Amino acid sequence: MMGAGMNRLEQAARVSMSGLQEAETPPPPRSSHFSLRLGTVALLAALALTAAWQLT
């Protein structure tokens, strides 16, 4: 009887741990953030150059 109870506890622990692992979301890939930042910097640089060209 004691062995069956321990097996149930082990199985319940495995199920709860697998549920926790599935709930965790992986971090977003850094490459998308990098390309977004690079695009933003390039756009701001183009705007600054255009404004400087218009003022001269």
Protein backbone atom coordinates (compact mmCIF):
# COMPACT_ATOMS: atom_id res chain seq x y z
CA MET A 1 0.00 0.00 0.00
CA MET A 2 2.82 2.37 0.85
CA GLY A 3 4.52 1.80 -2.52
CA ALA A 4 1.37 2.62 -4.46
CA GLY A 5 0.98 5.88 -2.54
CA MET A 6 4.57 6.85 -3.29
CA ASN A 7 4.07 6.08 -6.99
CA ARG A 8 1.01 8.34 -7.06
CA LEU A 9 2.96 11.13 -5.37
CA GLU A 10 5.82 10.78 -7.84
CA GLN A 11 3.42 10.80 -10.77
CA ALA A 12 1.60 13.88 -9.41
CA ALA A 13 4.94 15.65 -8.92
CA ARG A 14 5.99 14.86 -12.50
CA VAL A 15 2.70 16.14 -13.87
CA SER A 16 2.91 19.36 -11.87
CA MET A 17 6.55 19.92 -12.87
CA SER A 18 5.82 19.33 -16.54
CA GLY A 19 2.96 21.81 -16.31
CA LEU A 20 5.31 24.41 -14.84
CA GLN A 21 7.89 23.85 -17.55
CA GLU A 22 5.29 24.27 -20.28
CA ALA A 23 3.98 27.48 -18.68
CA GLU A 24 7.38 29.17 -18.92
CA THR A 25 7.74 31.20 -22.10
CA PRO A 26 11.11 31.26 -23.82
CA PRO A 27 12.78 34.66 -24.12
CA PRO A 28 12.25 36.41 -27.44
CA PRO A 29 15.08 36.07 -29.95
CA ARG A 30 17.62 38.89 -29.76
CA SER A 31 18.02 39.15 -33.53
CA SER A 32 14.58 40.73 -33.96
CA HIS A 33 15.35 43.36 -31.33
CA PHE A 34 18.71 44.08 -32.91
CA SER A 35 17.30 44.57 -36.40
CA LEU A 36 14.50 46.75 -35.04
CA ARG A 37 17.02 48.93 -33.21
CA LEU A 38 19.27 49.14 -36.24
CA GLY A 39 16.35 50.20 -38.41
CA THR A 40 15.33 52.87 -35.90
CA VAL A 41 18.87 54.26 -35.71
CA ALA A 42 19.16 54.29 -39.50
CA LEU A 43 15.83 56.09 -39.84
CA LEU A 44 16.81 58.71 -37.26
CA ALA A 45 20.18 59.22 -38.97
CA ALA A 46 18.45 59.70 -42.33
CA LEU A 47 16.07 62.22 -40.80
CA ALA A 48 18.94 64.11 -39.18
CA LEU A 49 20.88 64.22 -42.45
CA THR A 50 17.81 65.38 -44.36
CA ALA A 51 17.15 68.13 -41.82
CA ALA A 52 20.81 69.25 -41.91
CA TRP A 53 20.76 69.30 -45.71
CA GLN A 54 17.56 71.37 -45.75
CA LEU A 55 19.01 73.92 -43.30
CA THR A 56 22.17 74.55 -45.30
